[in-house]
C-alpha atoms as a PDB file:
ATOM      1  CA  MET A   1      12.383  86.482 104.848  1.00  0.00           C
ATOM      2  CA  LEU A   2      14.047  84.235 102.262  1.00  0.00           C
ATOM      3  CA  ALA A   3      15.443  81.860 104.859  1.00  0.00           C
ATOM      4  CA  GLN A   4      11.996  81.530 106.442  1.00  0.00           C
ATOM      5  CA  ASP A   5       9.885  81.294 103.274  1.00  0.00           C
ATOM      6  CA  LEU A   6      11.934  79.190 100.861  1.00  0.00           C
ATOM      7  CA  PRO A   7      11.922  75.907 102.836  1.00  0.00           C
ATOM      8  CA  ALA A   8       8.145  75.852 102.471  1.00  0.00           C
ATOM      9  CA  VAL A   9       8.359  76.855  98.814  1.00  0.00           C
ATOM     10  CA  LEU A  10      10.849  74.065  98.104  1.00  0.00           C
ATOM     11  CA  GLY A  11       9.274  71.573 100.488  1.00  0.00           C
ATOM     12  CA  ASP A  12      12.663  70.591 101.930  1.00  0.00           C
ATOM     13  CA  ALA A  13      14.541  72.809 104.365  1.00  0.00           C
ATOM     14  CA  SER A  14      17.751  70.782 103.974  1.00  0.00           C
ATOM     15  CA  ARG A  15      18.182  72.142 100.445  1.00  0.00           C
ATOM     16  CA  VAL A  16      17.845  75.772 101.454  1.00  0.00           C
ATOM     17  CA  LEU A  17      21.351  76.734 102.549  1.00  0.00           C
ATOM     18  CA  THR A  18      22.004  79.709 104.798  1.00  0.00           C
ATOM     19  CA  ALA A  19      25.314  78.969 106.563  1.00  0.00           C
ATOM     20  CA  PRO A  20      27.495  81.999 105.760  1.00  0.00           C
ATOM     21  CA  ALA A  21      30.574  79.984 104.731  1.00  0.00           C
ATOM     22  CA  VAL A  22      28.509  77.750 102.437  1.00  0.00           C
ATOM     23  CA  VAL A  23      26.613  80.656 100.893  1.00  0.00           C
ATOM     24  CA  ASP A  24      29.865  82.526 100.331  1.00  0.00           C
ATOM     25  CA  ARG A  25      31.481  79.516  98.615  1.00  0.00           C
ATOM     26  CA  LEU A  26      28.485  78.853  96.376  1.00  0.00           C
ATOM     27  CA  SER A  27      28.273  82.535  95.463  1.00  0.00           C
ATOM     28  CA  LYS A  28      31.704  82.461  93.825  1.00  0.00           C
ATOM     29  CA  ASP A  29      33.337  81.012  90.752  1.00  0.00           C
ATOM     30  CA  PHE A  30      36.970  81.260  89.642  1.00  0.00           C
ATOM     31  CA  TYR A  31      36.669  85.010  89.067  1.00  0.00           C
ATOM     32  CA  TRP A  32      39.795  85.502  91.163  1.00  0.00           C
ATOM     33  CA  TYR A  33      41.956  84.536  88.190  1.00  0.00           C
ATOM     34  CA  SER A  34      41.353  88.089  86.970  1.00  0.00           C
ATOM     35  CA  PRO A  35      43.076  91.007  88.715  1.00  0.00           C
ATOM     36  CA  VAL A  36      40.229  93.181  87.409  1.00  0.00           C
ATOM     37  CA  LEU A  37      37.339  91.000  88.593  1.00  0.00           C
ATOM     38  CA  ARG A  38      38.812  90.052  91.971  1.00  0.00           C
ATOM     39  CA  PRO A  39      38.344  93.432  93.728  1.00  0.00           C
ATOM     40  CA  ALA A  40      35.054  94.062  91.912  1.00  0.00           C
ATOM     41  CA  LEU A  41      33.428  90.753  92.919  1.00  0.00           C
ATOM     42  CA  GLU A  42      35.118  89.784  96.185  1.00  0.00           C
ATOM     43  CA  SER A  43      32.285  91.139  98.352  1.00  0.00           C
ATOM     44  CA  LYS A  44      29.401  89.806  96.248  1.00  0.00           C
ATOM     45  CA  ARG A  45      27.324  86.984  97.681  1.00  0.00           C
ATOM     46  CA  ALA A  46      23.781  85.657  97.787  1.00  0.00           C
ATOM     47  CA  ASP A  47      21.437  85.807 100.749  1.00  0.00           C
ATOM     48  CA  VAL A  48      20.551  82.140 100.397  1.00  0.00           C
ATOM     49  CA  VAL A  49      21.309  79.128  98.186  1.00  0.00           C
ATOM     50  CA  VAL A  50      18.531  76.853  96.953  1.00  0.00           C
ATOM     51  CA  GLN A  51      19.143  73.373  95.501  1.00  0.00           C
ATOM     52  CA  PRO A  52      16.141  72.148  93.474  1.00  0.00           C
ATOM     53  CA  VAL A  53      15.907  68.574  92.241  1.00  0.00           C
ATOM     54  CA  SER A  54      13.068  68.910  89.720  1.00  0.00           C
ATOM     55  CA  VAL A  55      11.510  71.231  87.174  1.00  0.00           C
ATOM     56  CA  ASP A  56       8.545  71.765  89.478  1.00  0.00           C
ATOM     57  CA  GLU A  57      10.857  72.945  92.250  1.00  0.00           C
ATOM     58  CA  VAL A  58      12.660  75.297  89.869  1.00  0.00           C
ATOM     59  CA  ARG A  59       9.304  76.767  88.855  1.00  0.00           C
ATOM     60  CA  ALA A  60       8.233  77.152  92.487  1.00  0.00           C
ATOM     61  CA  VAL A  61      11.409  79.039  93.415  1.00  0.00           C
ATOM     62  CA  LEU A  62      11.230  81.285  90.360  1.00  0.00           C
ATOM     63  CA  ARG A  63       7.545  81.986  90.978  1.00  0.00           C
ATOM     64  CA  TYR A  64       8.297  83.059  94.541  1.00  0.00           C
ATOM     65  CA  CYS A  65      11.303  85.163  93.578  1.00  0.00           C
ATOM     66  CA  TYR A  66       9.376  86.919  90.830  1.00  0.00           C
ATOM     67  CA  ALA A  67       6.524  87.750  93.192  1.00  0.00           C
ATOM     68  CA  HIS A  68       8.916  89.173  95.788  1.00  0.00           C
ATOM     69  CA  ASP A  69      11.323  90.890  93.376  1.00  0.00           C
ATOM     70  CA  VAL A  70      14.237  88.689  94.449  1.00  0.00           C
ATOM     71  CA  PRO A  71      17.165  88.363  92.016  1.00  0.00           C
ATOM     72  CA  VAL A  72      18.137  84.817  90.994  1.00  0.00           C
ATOM     73  CA  THR A  73      21.589  83.679  89.856  1.00  0.00           C
ATOM     74  CA  ALA A  74      21.894  80.265  88.182  1.00  0.00           C
ATOM     75  CA  ARG A  75      24.902  78.140  89.130  1.00  0.00           C
ATOM     76  CA  GLY A  76      26.395  74.872  87.941  1.00  0.00           C
ATOM     77  CA  ALA A  77      29.739  73.904  89.474  1.00  0.00           C
ATOM     78  CA  GLY A  78      31.209  77.420  89.447  1.00  0.00           C
ATOM     79  CA  THR A  79      34.255  76.451  87.381  1.00  0.00           C
ATOM     80  CA  GLY A  80      33.974  79.476  85.071  1.00  0.00           C
ATOM     81  CA  ASN A  81      36.366  82.363  85.601  1.00  0.00           C
ATOM     82  CA  TYR A  82      34.412  85.357  84.333  1.00  0.00           C
ATOM     83  CA  GLY A  83      32.060  85.940  87.265  1.00  0.00           C
ATOM     84  CA  GLN A  84      28.935  84.662  85.482  1.00  0.00           C
ATOM     85  CA  ALA A  85      27.806  82.652  88.522  1.00  0.00           C
ATOM     86  CA  ILE A  86      28.260  85.471  91.050  1.00  0.00           C
ATOM     87  CA  PRO A  87      25.152  87.255  92.383  1.00  0.00           C
ATOM     88  CA  LEU A  88      25.716  91.000  92.038  1.00  0.00           C
ATOM     89  CA  CYS A  89      22.681  92.047  94.107  1.00  0.00           C
ATOM     90  CA  GLY A  90      22.254  89.295  96.693  1.00  0.00           C
ATOM     91  CA  GLY A  91      19.091  87.245  96.437  1.00  0.00           C
ATOM     92  CA  VAL A  92      19.035  83.544  95.592  1.00  0.00           C
ATOM     93  CA  VAL A  93      21.703  81.372  94.039  1.00  0.00           C
ATOM     94  CA  LEU A  94      19.884  78.562  92.243  1.00  0.00           C
ATOM     95  CA  ASP A  95      22.351  75.700  92.573  1.00  0.00           C
ATOM     96  CA  LEU A  96      21.408  73.111  89.944  1.00  0.00           C
ATOM     97  CA  SER A  97      24.061  70.556  90.871  1.00  0.00           C
ATOM     98  CA  ARG A  98      21.482  68.144  92.312  1.00  0.00           C
ATOM     99  CA  MET A  99      19.623  67.913  89.013  1.00  0.00           C
ATOM    100  CA  ASP A 100      22.271  65.519  87.763  1.00  0.00           C
ATOM    101  CA  GLY A 101      20.544  62.678  85.969  1.00  0.00           C
ATOM    102  CA  ILE A 102      21.208  61.171  82.543  1.00  0.00           C
ATOM    103  CA  GLU A 103      17.848  60.231  81.067  1.00  0.00           C
ATOM    104  CA  GLY A 104      19.433  58.201  78.302  1.00  0.00           C
ATOM    105  CA  ILE A 105      21.808  58.002  75.367  1.00  0.00           C
ATOM    106  CA  GLY A 106      20.032  57.111  72.155  1.00  0.00           C
ATOM    107  CA  SER A 107      21.226  54.971  69.283  1.00  0.00           C
ATOM    108  CA  ASP A 108      21.454  58.229  67.325  1.00  0.00           C
ATOM    109  CA  GLY A 109      24.186  59.443  69.678  1.00  0.00           C
ATOM    110  CA  VAL A 110      22.141  62.076  71.498  1.00  0.00           C
ATOM    111  CA  ALA A 111      22.427  62.241  75.290  1.00  0.00           C
ATOM    112  CA  VAL A 112      19.415  63.526  77.203  1.00  0.00           C
ATOM    113  CA  CYS A 113      20.455  64.840  80.593  1.00  0.00           C
ATOM    114  CA  GLU A 114      19.778  67.294  83.389  1.00  0.00           C
ATOM    115  CA  PRO A 115      21.868  70.457  83.759  1.00  0.00           C
ATOM    116  CA  GLY A 116      23.732  69.474  86.921  1.00  0.00           C
ATOM    117  CA  VAL A 117      25.332  66.281  85.600  1.00  0.00           C
ATOM    118  CA  ARG A 118      29.110  66.543  85.362  1.00  0.00           C
ATOM    119  CA  LEU A 119      30.615  66.468  81.898  1.00  0.00           C
ATOM    120  CA  GLY A 120      33.006  63.727  82.984  1.00  0.00           C
ATOM    121  CA  VAL A 121      30.063  61.548  84.004  1.00  0.00           C
ATOM    122  CA  VAL A 122      28.435  62.045  80.594  1.00  0.00           C
ATOM    123  CA  GLU A 123      31.741  61.248  78.869  1.00  0.00           C
ATOM    124  CA  ALA A 124      32.128  58.000  80.845  1.00  0.00           C
ATOM    125  CA  ALA A 125      28.533  56.922  80.216  1.00  0.00           C
ATOM    126  CA  ALA A 126      28.782  57.798  76.538  1.00  0.00           C
ATOM    127  CA  ARG A 127      32.020  55.858  76.035  1.00  0.00           C
ATOM    128  CA  GLU A 128      30.410  52.754  77.498  1.00  0.00           C
ATOM    129  CA  GLN A 129      27.923  52.925  74.611  1.00  0.00           C
ATOM    130  CA  GLY A 130      30.401  53.747  71.840  1.00  0.00           C
ATOM    131  CA  TRP A 131      30.125  57.549  71.977  1.00  0.00           C
ATOM    132  CA  GLU A 132      31.982  60.503  73.475  1.00  0.00           C
ATOM    133  CA  LEU A 133      31.529  64.245  73.980  1.00  0.00           C
ATOM    134  CA  ARG A 134      32.126  66.354  70.895  1.00  0.00           C
ATOM    135  CA  CYS A 135      33.837  69.040  72.947  1.00  0.00           C
ATOM    136  CA  TYR A 136      34.452  69.804  76.591  1.00  0.00           C
ATOM    137  CA  PRO A 137      36.352  72.300  78.760  1.00  0.00           C
ATOM    138  CA  SER A 138      39.542  71.608  80.684  1.00  0.00           C
ATOM    139  CA  THR A 139      37.359  71.384  83.806  1.00  0.00           C
ATOM    140  CA  ILE A 140      35.529  68.303  82.508  1.00  0.00           C
ATOM    141  CA  VAL A 141      35.749  66.462  85.845  1.00  0.00           C
ATOM    142  CA  LYS A 142      33.915  69.175  87.808  1.00  0.00           C
ATOM    143  CA  ALA A 143      32.012  71.279  85.258  1.00  0.00           C
ATOM    144  CA  THR A 144      28.312  70.628  84.685  1.00  0.00           C
ATOM    145  CA  VAL A 145      26.651  70.303  81.307  1.00  0.00           C
ATOM    146  CA  GLY A 146      24.263  73.173  82.032  1.00  0.00           C
ATOM    147  CA  GLY A 147      27.052  75.445  83.208  1.00  0.00           C
ATOM    148  CA  PHE A 148      29.103  74.656  80.113  1.00  0.00           C
ATOM    149  CA  LEU A 149      26.212  75.470  77.797  1.00  0.00           C
ATOM    150  CA  GLY A 150      25.323  78.587  79.754  1.00  0.00           C
ATOM    151  CA  GLY A 151      28.822  80.013  79.963  1.00  0.00           C
ATOM    152  CA  GLY A 152      31.086  78.098  77.578  1.00  0.00           C
ATOM    153  CA  SER A 153      31.668  78.208  73.846  1.00  0.00           C
ATOM    154  CA  GLY A 154      34.063  75.396  72.939  1.00  0.00           C
ATOM    155  CA  GLY A 155      36.937  73.330  74.217  1.00  0.00           C
ATOM    156  CA  ILE A 156      38.821  70.106  73.689  1.00  0.00           C
ATOM    157  CA  GLY A 157      37.327  68.514  70.581  1.00  0.00           C
ATOM    158  CA  SER A 158      36.478  71.801  68.884  1.00  0.00           C
ATOM    159  CA  VAL A 159      39.357  71.312  66.442  1.00  0.00           C
ATOM    160  CA  ALA A 160      37.277  68.522  64.920  1.00  0.00           C
ATOM    161  CA  HIS A 161      33.675  69.353  65.815  1.00  0.00           C
ATOM    162  CA  GLY A 162      33.573  73.123  66.246  1.00  0.00           C
ATOM    163  CA  GLY A 163      32.169  74.939  69.252  1.00  0.00           C
ATOM    164  CA  LEU A 164      28.882  74.538  71.051  1.00  0.00           C
ATOM    165  CA  ARG A 165      27.091  76.640  68.442  1.00  0.00           C
ATOM    166  CA  ASP A 166      28.290  74.510  65.521  1.00  0.00           C
ATOM    167  CA  PHE A 167      26.958  71.494  63.645  1.00  0.00           C
ATOM    168  CA  GLY A 168      23.886  70.920  65.813  1.00  0.00           C
ATOM    169  CA  THR A 169      25.872  69.815  68.844  1.00  0.00           C
ATOM    170  CA  VAL A 170      23.119  71.123  71.123  1.00  0.00           C
ATOM    171  CA  ARG A 171      19.959  69.643  69.616  1.00  0.00           C
ATOM    172  CA  ALA A 172      17.439  71.030  72.104  1.00  0.00           C
ATOM    173  CA  LEU A 173      17.082  72.724  75.482  1.00  0.00           C
ATOM    174  CA  GLU A 174      14.275  72.758  78.012  1.00  0.00           C
ATOM    175  CA  VAL A 175      14.152  76.122  79.762  1.00  0.00           C
ATOM    176  CA  VAL A 176      12.062  77.566  82.597  1.00  0.00           C
ATOM    177  CA  THR A 177      11.234  81.263  82.513  1.00  0.00           C
ATOM    178  CA  MET A 178      11.084  83.610  85.500  1.00  0.00           C
ATOM    179  CA  GLU A 179       7.721  85.351  85.459  1.00  0.00           C
ATOM    180  CA  GLU A 180       4.482  85.441  87.421  1.00  0.00           C
ATOM    181  CA  GLU A 181       3.716  81.897  86.311  1.00  0.00           C
ATOM    182  CA  PRO A 182       7.012  80.333  85.130  1.00  0.00           C
ATOM    183  CA  GLN A 183       6.683  78.529  81.809  1.00  0.00           C
ATOM    184  CA  VAL A 184       8.573  75.519  80.470  1.00  0.00           C
ATOM    185  CA  HIS A 185       9.749  75.974  76.892  1.00  0.00           C
ATOM    186  CA  ARG A 186      11.642  73.672  74.551  1.00  0.00           C
ATOM    187  CA  HIS A 187      14.086  75.332  72.181  1.00  0.00           C
ATOM    188  CA  GLU A 188      15.112  73.183  69.206  1.00  0.00           C
ATOM    189  CA  GLY A 189      17.348  73.660  66.183  1.00  0.00           C
ATOM    190  CA  ASP A 190      18.439  77.253  65.657  1.00  0.00           C
ATOM    191  CA  ALA A 191      16.317  78.349  68.623  1.00  0.00           C
ATOM    192  CA  VAL A 192      18.922  76.888  71.020  1.00  0.00           C
ATOM    193  CA  HIS A 193      21.099  79.920  70.208  1.00  0.00           C
ATOM    194  CA  GLU A 194      18.656  82.063  72.153  1.00  0.00           C
ATOM    195  CA  ILE A 195      19.821  80.246  75.294  1.00  0.00           C
ATOM    196  CA  LEU A 196      23.429  79.154  74.697  1.00  0.00           C
ATOM    197  CA  HIS A 197      26.068  81.299  76.395  1.00  0.00           C
ATOM    198  CA  ALA A 198      23.432  83.475  78.086  1.00  0.00           C
ATOM    199  CA  TRP A 199      24.527  82.559  81.657  1.00  0.00           C
ATOM    200  CA  GLY A 200      20.971  81.747  82.724  1.00  0.00           C
ATOM    201  CA  THR A 201      19.869  85.358  82.349  1.00  0.00           C
ATOM    202  CA  ASN A 202      16.930  84.584  80.064  1.00  0.00           C
ATOM    203  CA  GLY A 203      15.836  81.249  81.493  1.00  0.00           C
ATOM    204  CA  ILE A 204      16.957  78.293  83.586  1.00  0.00           C
ATOM    205  CA  ILE A 205      18.119  75.245  81.600  1.00  0.00           C
ATOM    206  CA  THR A 206      16.483  72.129  83.035  1.00  0.00           C
ATOM    207  CA  LYS A 207      17.064  69.510  80.305  1.00  0.00           C
ATOM    208  CA  ILE A 208      19.557  69.133  77.472  1.00  0.00           C
ATOM    209  CA  TRP A 209      19.657  67.088  74.263  1.00  0.00           C
ATOM    210  CA  LEU A 210      23.379  66.909  73.443  1.00  0.00           C
ATOM    211  CA  ALA A 211      24.768  65.326  70.283  1.00  0.00           C
ATOM    212  CA  LEU A 212      27.801  63.091  70.761  1.00  0.00           C
ATOM    213  CA  ALA A 213      30.547  61.776  68.476  1.00  0.00           C
ATOM    214  CA  PRO A 214      31.612  58.179  67.840  1.00  0.00           C
ATOM    215  CA  ARG A 215      34.115  56.990  70.460  1.00  0.00           C
ATOM    216  CA  VAL A 216      37.797  57.099  69.547  1.00  0.00           C
ATOM    217  CA  GLU A 217      40.725  55.616  71.462  1.00  0.00           C
ATOM    218  CA  TRP A 218      43.007  58.593  72.004  1.00  0.00           C
ATOM    219  CA  ALA A 219      46.766  58.923  72.450  1.00  0.00           C
ATOM    220  CA  GLN A 220      48.239  61.982  74.148  1.00  0.00           C
ATOM    221  CA  MET A 221      51.496  63.291  72.725  1.00  0.00           C
ATOM    222  CA  ALA A 222      53.736  66.346  73.132  1.00  0.00           C
ATOM    223  CA  VAL A 223      56.134  67.508  70.413  1.00  0.00           C
ATOM    224  CA  ALA A 224      58.928  70.029  71.079  1.00  0.00           C
ATOM    225  CA  PHE A 225      60.344  72.560  68.596  1.00  0.00           C
ATOM    226  CA  ASP A 226      63.245  74.981  68.623  1.00  0.00           C
ATOM    227  CA  THR A 227      61.142  77.898  67.328  1.00  0.00           C
ATOM    228  CA  PHE A 228      57.565  78.996  67.860  1.00  0.00           C
ATOM    229  CA  ALA A 229      57.105  79.388  64.111  1.00  0.00           C
ATOM    230  CA  ALA A 230      58.003  75.740  63.567  1.00  0.00           C
ATOM    231  CA  ALA A 231      55.691  74.619  66.387  1.00  0.00           C
ATOM    232  CA  PHE A 232      52.774  76.685  65.115  1.00  0.00           C
ATOM    233  CA  GLY A 233      53.314  75.619  61.514  1.00  0.00           C
ATOM    234  CA  PHE A 234      53.272  71.937  62.452  1.00  0.00           C
ATOM    235  CA  SER A 235      50.215  72.308  64.669  1.00  0.00           C
ATOM    236  CA  GLU A 236      48.315  74.120  61.908  1.00  0.00           C
ATOM    237  CA  GLN A 237      49.280  71.438  59.407  1.00  0.00           C
ATOM    238  CA  ILE A 238      47.763  68.707  61.596  1.00  0.00           C
ATOM    239  CA  ALA A 239      44.747  70.797  62.614  1.00  0.00           C
ATOM    240  CA  VAL A 240      43.547  71.560  59.075  1.00  0.00           C
ATOM    241  CA  ASP A 241      44.317  68.180  57.504  1.00  0.00           C
ATOM    242  CA  THR A 242      41.147  66.081  57.638  1.00  0.00           C
ATOM    243  CA  ALA A 243      43.202  62.896  57.306  1.00  0.00           C
ATOM    244  CA  TRP A 244      44.114  63.224  60.995  1.00  0.00           C
ATOM    245  CA  THR A 245      41.634  62.181  63.671  1.00  0.00           C
ATOM    246  CA  LYS A 246      42.333  64.603  66.500  1.00  0.00           C
ATOM    247  CA  ARG A 247      40.700  65.948  69.619  1.00  0.00           C
ATOM    248  CA  LEU A 248      43.279  68.521  70.686  1.00  0.00           C
ATOM    249  CA  VAL A 249      46.007  70.537  68.991  1.00  0.00           C
ATOM    250  CA  THR A 250      47.451  73.199  71.291  1.00  0.00           C
ATOM    251  CA  THR A 251      50.641  75.221  70.821  1.00  0.00           C
ATOM    252  CA  PHE A 252      52.582  76.622  73.791  1.00  0.00           C
ATOM    253  CA  GLU A 253      55.226  79.278  73.234  1.00  0.00           C
ATOM    254  CA  TRP A 254      58.166  79.213  75.630  1.00  0.00           C
ATOM    255  CA  PRO A 255      58.260  80.264  78.502  1.00  0.00           C
ATOM    256  CA  ILE A 256      54.616  79.218  79.085  1.00  0.00           C
ATOM    257  CA  PRO A 257      55.553  75.523  79.561  1.00  0.00           C
ATOM    258  CA  LYS A 258      57.825  76.294  82.509  1.00  0.00           C
ATOM    259  CA  TYR A 259      54.947  77.681  84.585  1.00  0.00           C
ATOM    260  CA  PHE A 260      53.208  74.284  84.787  1.00  0.00           C
ATOM    261  CA  SER A 261      55.136  71.747  86.836  1.00  0.00           C
ATOM    262  CA  PRO A 262      53.911  68.588  85.031  1.00  0.00           C
ATOM    263  CA  VAL A 263      54.701  70.206  81.676  1.00  0.00           C
ATOM    264  CA  LYS A 264      58.055  71.582  82.803  1.00  0.00           C
ATOM    265  CA  ALA A 265      59.082  68.073  83.784  1.00  0.00           C
ATOM    266  CA  ILE A 266      58.901  66.891  80.162  1.00  0.00           C
ATOM    267  CA  CYS A 267      59.791  70.073  78.275  1.00  0.00           C
ATOM    268  CA  PRO A 268      63.422  70.933  77.502  1.00  0.00           C
ATOM    269  CA  ALA A 269      64.268  74.508  78.486  1.00  0.00           C
ATOM    270  CA  GLY A 270      63.619  77.007  75.703  1.00  0.00           C
ATOM    271  CA  GLN A 271      61.498  74.611  73.643  1.00  0.00           C
ATOM    272  CA  HIS A 272      58.044  75.364  72.253  1.00  0.00           C
ATOM    273  CA  LEU A 273      55.470  72.612  72.646  1.00  0.00           C
ATOM    274  CA  VAL A 274      52.501  71.262  70.759  1.00  0.00           C
ATOM    275  CA  PHE A 275      50.098  69.045  72.704  1.00  0.00           C
ATOM    276  CA  PHE A 276      48.053  66.527  70.757  1.00  0.00           C
ATOM    277  CA  MET A 277      45.185  64.174  71.431  1.00  0.00           C
ATOM    278  CA  ILE A 278      45.360  62.031  68.335  1.00  0.00           C
ATOM    279  CA  SER A 279      43.744  58.747  67.393  1.00  0.00           C
ATOM    280  CA  ALA A 280      45.872  55.999  68.921  1.00  0.00           C
ATOM    281  CA  ASP A 281      46.181  54.232  65.573  1.00  0.00           C
ATOM    282  CA  GLN A 282      47.774  57.381  64.099  1.00  0.00           C
ATOM    283  CA  SER A 283      50.322  58.007  66.851  1.00  0.00           C
ATOM    284  CA  ASP A 284      53.157  56.313  64.948  1.00  0.00           C
ATOM    285  CA  ASP A 285      52.333  58.372  61.855  1.00  0.00           C
ATOM    286  CA  LEU A 286      52.506  61.564  63.913  1.00  0.00           C
ATOM    287  CA  ARG A 287      55.986  60.680  65.110  1.00  0.00           C
ATOM    288  CA  THR A 288      57.210  60.581  61.528  1.00  0.00           C
ATOM    289  CA  ALA A 289      55.099  63.423  60.101  1.00  0.00           C
END
């Protein structure tokens, strides 16, 4: 029924995906990292994937699914590893990756964008105008803004700007409800916390007002220590001192570095590492700190 009805609901059969291999791929995230989640979620998949390109199309799909008691699972790029984007009871995966526009970046440093735009695209566009993301996950190249807000909490940059719930980073969200007649609501200020990190279970994010930070030219540095205590102590010293402009301070206890080939290539055996993204004009000071 879904495969027959949804092309008419959406108005474009090419964005209603039913090929088993495609549906299986878009029904999964990186859940397989977990030995607990892998056997529990391996067999879970949607019946069909729908790719809307507008708020009206999102409303049309949700209206249909509500009327026919069809479960809906929201999906960004599927880079999460907790199973949030996996449909547990079949139904429709609402793939928002085609809603990927940036409406604008204001002089106040607020980016207005659709949920499917990649974080790396927002970062590049922001830097062209003297801004940058306040925080982002390690999957910045692939992850979508909507997916990050729906399933993330912080990332690179949080050492300076906090997580997604802090300091008004998410200024507002436009959300579509799933009910008999889907409604479009705008959540602003503290009301954004009703939607953040809810995995799309209480509404579908269709527009985001995201506060940015002034652009900084960053240097990436790694510092090795003989003991973990020394590495952690130094990293904490830099992290809490407001005199340092930093985007990342991460401590790796040996033997973690040896499990990552690019890291192993630069890390002496037995050494504990601290990775930094530090303002380029402070890199010499870090070397002598």
